[in-house]
N, C-alpha and C. Protein backbone atom coordinates (compact mmCIF):
# COMPACT_ATOMS: atom_id res chain seq x y z
N MET A 1 0.96 -1.45 -0.01
CA MET A 1 -0.02 -0.08 -0.01
C MET A 1 0.99 1.50 -0.03
N THR A 2 0.93 2.33 -0.59
CA THR A 2 1.11 3.95 -0.64
C THR A 2 0.79 4.27 0.28
N LYS A 3 1.26 5.38 0.75
CA LYS A 3 1.15 6.47 1.55
C LYS A 3 0.07 7.10 1.35
N GLN A 4 -0.15 7.48 -0.24
CA GLN A 4 -1.30 7.65 -0.54
C GLN A 4 -2.50 7.17 -0.59
N GLN A 5 -2.15 6.20 -0.96
CA GLN A 5 -3.89 4.80 -0.69
C GLN A 5 -3.81 5.01 0.54
N PHE A 6 -3.39 4.99 1.57
CA PHE A 6 -3.28 4.57 3.14
C PHE A 6 -4.77 6.27 3.24
N LEU A 7 -3.77 7.58 2.97
CA LEU A 7 -4.15 8.54 3.51
C LEU A 7 -6.13 8.16 2.88
N GLU A 8 -5.73 7.72 1.31
CA GLU A 8 -7.49 7.89 0.64
C GLU A 8 -8.39 6.55 1.78
N TYR A 9 -7.35 5.75 2.09
CA TYR A 9 -8.62 5.07 2.97
C TYR A 9 -9.09 5.80 4.41
N CYS A 10 -8.24 6.01 5.16
CA CYS A 10 -8.33 6.88 6.07
C CYS A 10 -9.46 7.88 5.76
N LEU A 11 -9.04 8.90 4.26
CA LEU A 11 -10.50 10.01 4.37
C LEU A 11 -11.82 9.06 3.79
N ASN A 12 -11.57 8.46 3.38
CA ASN A 12 -13.09 7.75 2.87
C ASN A 12 -13.80 6.56 3.36
N THR A 13 -13.09 6.27 4.54
CA THR A 13 -13.76 5.60 5.74
C THR A 13 -13.80 6.28 6.87
N TYR A 14 -13.37 7.56 7.08
CA TYR A 14 -13.28 7.95 8.67
C TYR A 14 -13.72 9.62 8.51
N GLY A 15 -13.26 9.61 7.19
CA GLY A 15 -13.36 11.81 6.94
C GLY A 15 -12.64 11.84 7.04
N THR A 16 -11.34 11.16 7.69
CA THR A 16 -10.38 12.26 8.02
C THR A 16 -9.21 12.63 7.06
N SER A 17 -8.11 13.34 7.46
CA SER A 17 -7.11 14.21 6.33
C SER A 17 -6.40 14.33 7.33
N THR A 18 -5.29 14.27 6.76
CA THR A 18 -3.78 14.78 7.48
C THR A 18 -3.74 15.81 8.18
N ASP A 19 -2.74 15.81 9.09
CA ASP A 19 -2.58 16.99 9.86
C ASP A 19 -1.16 16.96 9.97
N TYR A 20 -0.45 17.74 10.00
CA TYR A 20 0.81 18.14 9.53
C TYR A 20 1.37 19.01 11.26
N PRO A 21 1.70 18.36 12.37
CA PRO A 21 1.45 19.54 13.64
C PRO A 21 3.29 19.99 14.19
N PHE A 22 3.36 19.13 13.24
CA PHE A 22 5.35 19.45 13.67
C PHE A 22 5.90 20.74 12.89
N ASP A 23 6.28 21.23 13.33
CA ASP A 23 7.08 23.05 12.30
C ASP A 23 7.78 22.12 11.70
N ASP A 24 8.04 22.84 10.44
CA ASP A 24 9.40 22.45 9.17
C ASP A 24 8.97 21.50 8.68
N ASP A 25 8.39 20.52 9.24
CA ASP A 25 7.93 18.93 8.77
C ASP A 25 6.99 18.70 8.07
N LEU A 26 7.06 18.67 7.28
CA LEU A 26 5.61 18.26 5.91
C LEU A 26 5.75 16.94 5.38
N GLU A 27 6.69 15.98 6.22
CA GLU A 27 6.69 14.67 5.68
C GLU A 27 5.41 14.11 7.21
N THR A 28 5.80 14.32 8.24
CA THR A 28 5.26 13.72 8.89
C THR A 28 4.30 14.15 9.42
N ALA A 29 2.76 13.10 9.03
CA ALA A 29 1.18 13.40 9.26
C ALA A 29 0.93 12.93 10.37
N VAL A 30 -0.26 13.31 10.99
CA VAL A 30 -0.97 12.92 11.72
C VAL A 30 -2.52 12.42 11.81
N LEU A 31 -2.80 11.38 12.12
CA LEU A 31 -4.62 11.17 11.44
C LEU A 31 -5.44 11.02 12.94
N ARG A 32 -6.13 11.76 13.15
CA ARG A 32 -6.83 12.04 14.69
C ARG A 32 -8.11 12.35 14.28
N HIS A 33 -8.80 12.08 15.65
CA HIS A 33 -10.73 12.01 15.17
C HIS A 33 -10.70 13.20 15.81
N ALA A 34 -11.73 13.89 14.98
CA ALA A 34 -12.54 14.74 15.08
C ALA A 34 -13.03 15.46 16.46
N ASP A 35 -13.23 14.74 17.17
CA ASP A 35 -14.27 14.63 18.39
C ASP A 35 -13.34 15.02 19.29
N ASN A 36 -12.44 13.82 19.95
CA ASN A 36 -11.54 13.93 20.83
C ASN A 36 -9.65 14.56 20.22
N ARG A 37 -9.59 14.74 19.50
CA ARG A 37 -8.11 14.39 19.04
C ARG A 37 -7.20 13.90 18.78
N LYS A 38 -7.62 13.33 19.60
CA LYS A 38 -6.42 11.53 19.38
C LYS A 38 -5.95 11.07 18.33
N TRP A 39 -5.17 10.70 18.10
CA TRP A 39 -4.10 10.31 17.25
C TRP A 39 -4.46 8.89 16.93
N TYR A 40 -5.01 8.33 15.63
CA TYR A 40 -5.23 7.13 15.49
C TYR A 40 -3.95 6.67 14.52
N ALA A 41 -3.48 7.13 14.16
CA ALA A 41 -2.37 7.05 12.85
C ALA A 41 -1.39 8.32 13.20
N LEU A 42 0.37 8.18 12.55
CA LEU A 42 0.80 8.89 12.66
C LEU A 42 1.65 8.19 11.56
N MET A 43 1.99 8.92 10.89
CA MET A 43 3.02 8.42 9.01
C MET A 43 3.97 9.43 8.73
N MET A 44 4.89 8.34 8.59
CA MET A 44 6.60 9.27 8.83
C MET A 44 7.38 8.45 7.84
N LYS A 45 8.41 9.01 7.53
CA LYS A 45 9.09 8.43 6.52
C LYS A 45 10.39 7.96 7.66
N VAL A 46 11.30 6.69 7.09
CA VAL A 46 11.86 6.55 8.32
C VAL A 46 12.65 5.25 7.28
N PRO A 47 14.12 5.28 7.78
CA PRO A 47 15.11 4.28 6.70
C PRO A 47 14.73 3.12 7.24
N ARG A 48 15.04 2.65 6.45
CA ARG A 48 14.73 1.22 6.91
C ARG A 48 15.32 -0.02 8.29
N ARG A 49 16.73 0.66 7.78
CA ARG A 49 17.75 -0.01 9.20
C ARG A 49 17.32 0.22 10.56
N LYS A 50 16.56 1.48 10.46
CA LYS A 50 15.79 1.14 12.05
C LYS A 50 15.00 0.28 12.18
N PHE A 51 14.43 -0.47 11.61
CA PHE A 51 13.60 -1.94 11.66
C PHE A 51 14.82 -3.12 11.69
N GLY A 52 15.93 -2.77 11.50
CA GLY A 52 16.75 -3.66 11.73
C GLY A 52 17.63 -4.06 10.37
N PHE A 53 16.92 -3.85 8.72
CA PHE A 53 17.59 -4.25 7.89
C PHE A 53 18.82 -3.33 7.43
N GLU A 54 19.72 -3.92 6.45
CA GLU A 54 20.84 -3.90 5.79
C GLU A 54 20.67 -2.44 4.79
N SER A 55 19.64 -1.62 5.18
CA SER A 55 19.11 -0.48 4.27
C SER A 55 19.26 0.84 4.66
N ASP A 56 19.68 1.81 3.71
CA ASP A 56 19.38 3.20 4.10
C ASP A 56 17.89 3.52 3.18
N GLU A 57 17.12 3.01 2.88
CA GLU A 57 16.25 3.19 1.68
C GLU A 57 15.15 3.77 2.94
N VAL A 58 14.74 4.98 2.32
CA VAL A 58 13.56 5.81 3.36
C VAL A 58 12.11 5.20 2.75
N ILE A 59 11.66 4.67 4.28
CA ILE A 59 10.10 4.81 3.47
C ILE A 59 8.93 5.16 3.78
N ASP A 60 7.81 4.38 3.67
CA ASP A 60 6.27 5.45 4.53
C ASP A 60 5.95 4.22 5.52
N VAL A 61 6.16 4.58 6.87
CA VAL A 61 5.97 3.93 8.00
C VAL A 61 4.43 4.48 8.76
N VAL A 62 3.75 3.53 9.11
CA VAL A 62 2.58 4.22 10.06
C VAL A 62 2.59 3.47 11.57
N ASN A 63 2.76 4.24 12.36
CA ASN A 63 2.26 4.08 13.64
C ASN A 63 1.03 4.02 13.28
N LEU A 64 0.26 3.03 14.44
CA LEU A 64 -0.95 2.29 14.78
C LEU A 64 -0.81 2.38 16.57
N LYS A 65 -1.99 2.09 16.82
CA LYS A 65 -2.71 2.16 18.63
C LYS A 65 -3.02 0.68 18.18
N LEU A 66 -2.94 -0.07 19.03
CA LEU A 66 -3.40 -1.86 19.44
C LEU A 66 -3.54 -1.59 20.72
N PRO A 67 -4.50 -2.74 20.86
CA PRO A 67 -5.22 -3.00 22.20
C PRO A 67 -3.87 -4.18 22.74
N THR A 68 -3.75 -3.96 24.47
CA THR A 68 -2.20 -4.86 24.92
C THR A 68 -2.57 -6.46 24.17
N GLU A 69 -3.97 -6.74 23.85
CA GLU A 69 -3.86 -8.31 23.67
C GLU A 69 -3.71 -8.61 22.57
N MET A 70 -3.66 -7.82 21.36
CA MET A 70 -3.26 -8.14 20.09
C MET A 70 -1.93 -7.83 19.87
N PHE A 71 -1.18 -7.27 21.02
CA PHE A 71 0.43 -7.50 20.60
C PHE A 71 0.49 -8.81 20.51
N GLY A 72 1.70 -9.25 19.63
CA GLY A 72 2.34 -10.93 19.43
C GLY A 72 1.64 -11.52 18.35
N SER A 73 0.61 -10.60 18.10
CA SER A 73 -0.33 -11.57 16.46
C SER A 73 0.32 -11.31 15.33
N PHE A 74 0.85 -10.58 15.43
CA PHE A 74 1.38 -10.18 13.90
C PHE A 74 3.65 -9.85 14.25
N GLY A 75 3.69 -9.91 13.31
CA GLY A 75 5.13 -9.44 13.22
C GLY A 75 6.00 -9.44 12.06
N ALA A 76 7.03 -9.48 11.98
CA ALA A 76 7.83 -8.64 10.62
C ALA A 76 7.66 -9.37 9.06
N THR A 77 7.52 -10.64 9.49
CA THR A 77 6.51 -11.30 8.27
C THR A 77 5.39 -10.69 7.42
N ASP A 78 4.57 -9.76 8.66
CA ASP A 78 3.32 -9.03 7.92
C ASP A 78 4.16 -7.84 7.67
N GLY A 79 5.13 -7.51 8.05
CA GLY A 79 5.56 -5.78 7.77
C GLY A 79 5.84 -5.05 8.95
N VAL A 80 5.27 -5.67 10.30
CA VAL A 80 4.56 -4.89 11.80
C VAL A 80 6.03 -5.18 12.71
N TYR A 81 6.16 -4.22 13.15
CA TYR A 81 7.26 -3.70 13.87
C TYR A 81 7.13 -2.59 15.49
N PRO A 82 7.70 -3.17 16.59
CA PRO A 82 7.77 -2.48 17.41
C PRO A 82 7.37 -0.98 17.43
N ALA A 83 6.64 -0.63 17.71
CA ALA A 83 6.62 0.96 17.02
C ALA A 83 7.87 1.39 17.16
N TYR A 84 8.19 2.76 16.11
CA TYR A 84 9.23 3.23 16.40
C TYR A 84 8.91 4.38 16.65
N HIS A 85 9.99 5.34 17.53
CA HIS A 85 9.68 6.34 18.07
C HIS A 85 8.40 6.84 18.92
N MET A 86 7.74 5.91 19.50
CA MET A 86 6.87 6.13 20.27
C MET A 86 6.41 5.14 21.18
N ASN A 87 5.91 4.84 22.31
CA ASN A 87 5.51 4.03 23.27
C ASN A 87 5.19 2.26 22.63
N LYS A 88 5.73 1.70 22.79
CA LYS A 88 6.14 0.42 22.56
C LYS A 88 4.77 -0.62 22.95
N LEU A 89 4.72 0.04 24.16
CA LEU A 89 3.76 -1.22 24.57
C LEU A 89 2.07 -0.70 24.37
N HIS A 90 2.12 0.22 23.36
CA HIS A 90 0.65 0.49 23.00
C HIS A 90 0.71 0.93 21.48
N TRP A 91 1.58 1.28 20.54
CA TRP A 91 1.84 1.19 19.01
C TRP A 91 2.53 0.32 18.91
N ILE A 92 2.10 -0.21 17.66
CA ILE A 92 3.27 -0.75 16.41
C ILE A 92 3.70 0.35 15.27
N SER A 93 4.55 0.13 14.52
CA SER A 93 5.35 0.43 13.22
C SER A 93 5.19 -0.72 12.12
N VAL A 94 3.99 -0.01 11.00
CA VAL A 94 3.55 -1.00 9.78
C VAL A 94 4.56 -0.40 8.70
N LEU A 95 4.88 -1.16 8.12
CA LEU A 95 6.24 -1.11 6.94
C LEU A 95 4.85 -0.99 5.75
N LEU A 96 4.62 0.03 4.98
CA LEU A 96 3.70 0.05 4.01
C LEU A 96 4.34 -0.54 2.94
N PRO A 97 5.13 -0.58 2.53
CA PRO A 97 5.27 -0.91 1.59
C PRO A 97 5.66 -2.91 1.80
N ASP A 98 6.08 -3.23 2.51
CA ASP A 98 5.72 -4.36 3.51
C ASP A 98 4.85 -5.21 3.50
N ALA A 99 3.42 -4.40 4.20
CA ALA A 99 2.53 -5.26 4.95
C ALA A 99 1.10 -5.48 3.83
N PRO A 100 0.57 -6.79 3.87
CA PRO A 100 -0.51 -6.85 2.75
C PRO A 100 -1.67 -5.85 3.14
N ASP A 101 -2.05 -5.13 2.09
CA ASP A 101 -2.93 -3.65 2.42
C ASP A 101 -4.07 -4.46 3.26
N GLU A 102 -4.77 -5.71 2.82
CA GLU A 102 -6.00 -6.04 3.90
C GLU A 102 -5.23 -5.90 5.42
N LEU A 103 -4.57 -6.28 5.70
CA LEU A 103 -3.27 -6.26 6.93
C LEU A 103 -3.57 -4.34 7.70
N VAL A 104 -2.80 -3.79 6.72
CA VAL A 104 -3.38 -2.69 7.11
C VAL A 104 -4.50 -1.85 7.78
N GLN A 105 -5.25 -2.31 6.33
CA GLN A 105 -7.04 -1.61 6.48
C GLN A 105 -7.10 -2.28 7.96
N PHE A 106 -7.24 -3.08 8.31
CA PHE A 106 -7.44 -4.10 9.45
C PHE A 106 -6.98 -3.09 11.11
N LEU A 107 -5.66 -2.97 10.95
CA LEU A 107 -4.95 -2.69 11.86
C LEU A 107 -5.40 -0.96 12.31
N VAL A 108 -5.40 -0.58 10.92
CA VAL A 108 -5.82 1.06 11.01
C VAL A 108 -7.67 1.15 11.77
N ASN A 109 -8.03 0.07 11.54
CA ASN A 109 -9.22 0.21 11.47
C ASN A 109 -9.31 -0.48 13.60
N VAL A 110 -8.79 -1.32 13.73
CA VAL A 110 -8.53 -1.26 15.26
C VAL A 110 -7.80 -0.29 15.90
N SER A 111 -6.91 0.66 15.24
CA SER A 111 -6.71 1.30 15.84
C SER A 111 -7.36 2.63 16.20
N PHE A 112 -8.15 3.20 15.06
CA PHE A 112 -9.48 4.10 15.50
C PHE A 112 -10.33 3.37 16.22
N GLU A 113 -10.53 2.32 16.28
CA GLU A 113 -11.71 2.09 17.70
C GLU A 113 -11.12 2.31 18.88
N ALA A 114 -9.63 1.45 18.93
CA ALA A 114 -9.04 2.54 20.09
C ALA A 114 -8.74 3.43 20.85
N THR A 115 -8.89 4.36 19.71
CA THR A 115 -8.57 5.58 20.18
C THR A 115 -9.81 6.56 20.21
N LYS A 116 -11.07 6.00 19.73
CA LYS A 116 -12.00 6.99 19.59
C LYS A 116 -12.55 7.52 21.41
N ALA A 117 -13.60 8.16 21.11
CA ALA A 117 -14.14 8.63 22.41
C ALA A 117 -15.08 7.48 22.72
N LYS A 118 -14.98 7.74 23.83
CA LYS A 118 -15.89 6.30 24.16
C LYS A 118 -17.36 6.84 24.22
N GLY A 119 -17.91 5.58 23.58
CA GLY A 119 -19.60 5.68 23.18
C GLY A 119 -20.28 6.84 21.72
N LYS A 120 -18.84 7.00 21.08
CA LYS A 120 -19.10 6.83 19.93
C LYS A 120 -19.41 5.97 18.88
N THR A 121 -19.53 5.98 17.73
CA THR A 121 -19.70 5.31 16.50
C THR A 121 -18.10 5.41 15.64
N GLY A 122 -18.32 4.34 14.52
CA GLY A 122 -16.92 3.96 14.31
C GLY A 122 -16.97 5.32 13.11
N ALA A 123 -16.92 4.78 11.51
CA ALA A 123 -16.71 5.17 10.43
C ALA A 123 -18.05 5.72 10.39
N LYS A 124 -17.61 7.15 9.20
CA LYS A 124 -18.36 7.83 8.88
C LYS A 124 -19.67 7.28 8.22
N GLN A 125 -20.73 8.09 8.32
CA GLN A 125 -21.97 7.85 7.99
C GLN A 125 -22.40 8.11 7.00
């Protein structure tokens, strides 16, 4: 899945578009809920080397929040790693070029649900 495909999925599914909260950084994008402003995804460019590869290729990575009981269900073979630059007890990093599209969509749906305001519905109607 490409970055653009991921962002289009989030826009079409949740009605959310990117937010660039970091000064002078138009690469790192946040996707957040409109009501509670909580992040459900953080999109950034990261060198593969940060995930243990012998490569400096910079790729699109998305950090997603998972319930703790889901940790350990996915691994490097799925393109899923402990979170880069975030709390590894609550977040994962998904390497977009490596992860199957269906898995990316499933994981972003889980992250969206895990971060929504209590008592709210999921996707846009």
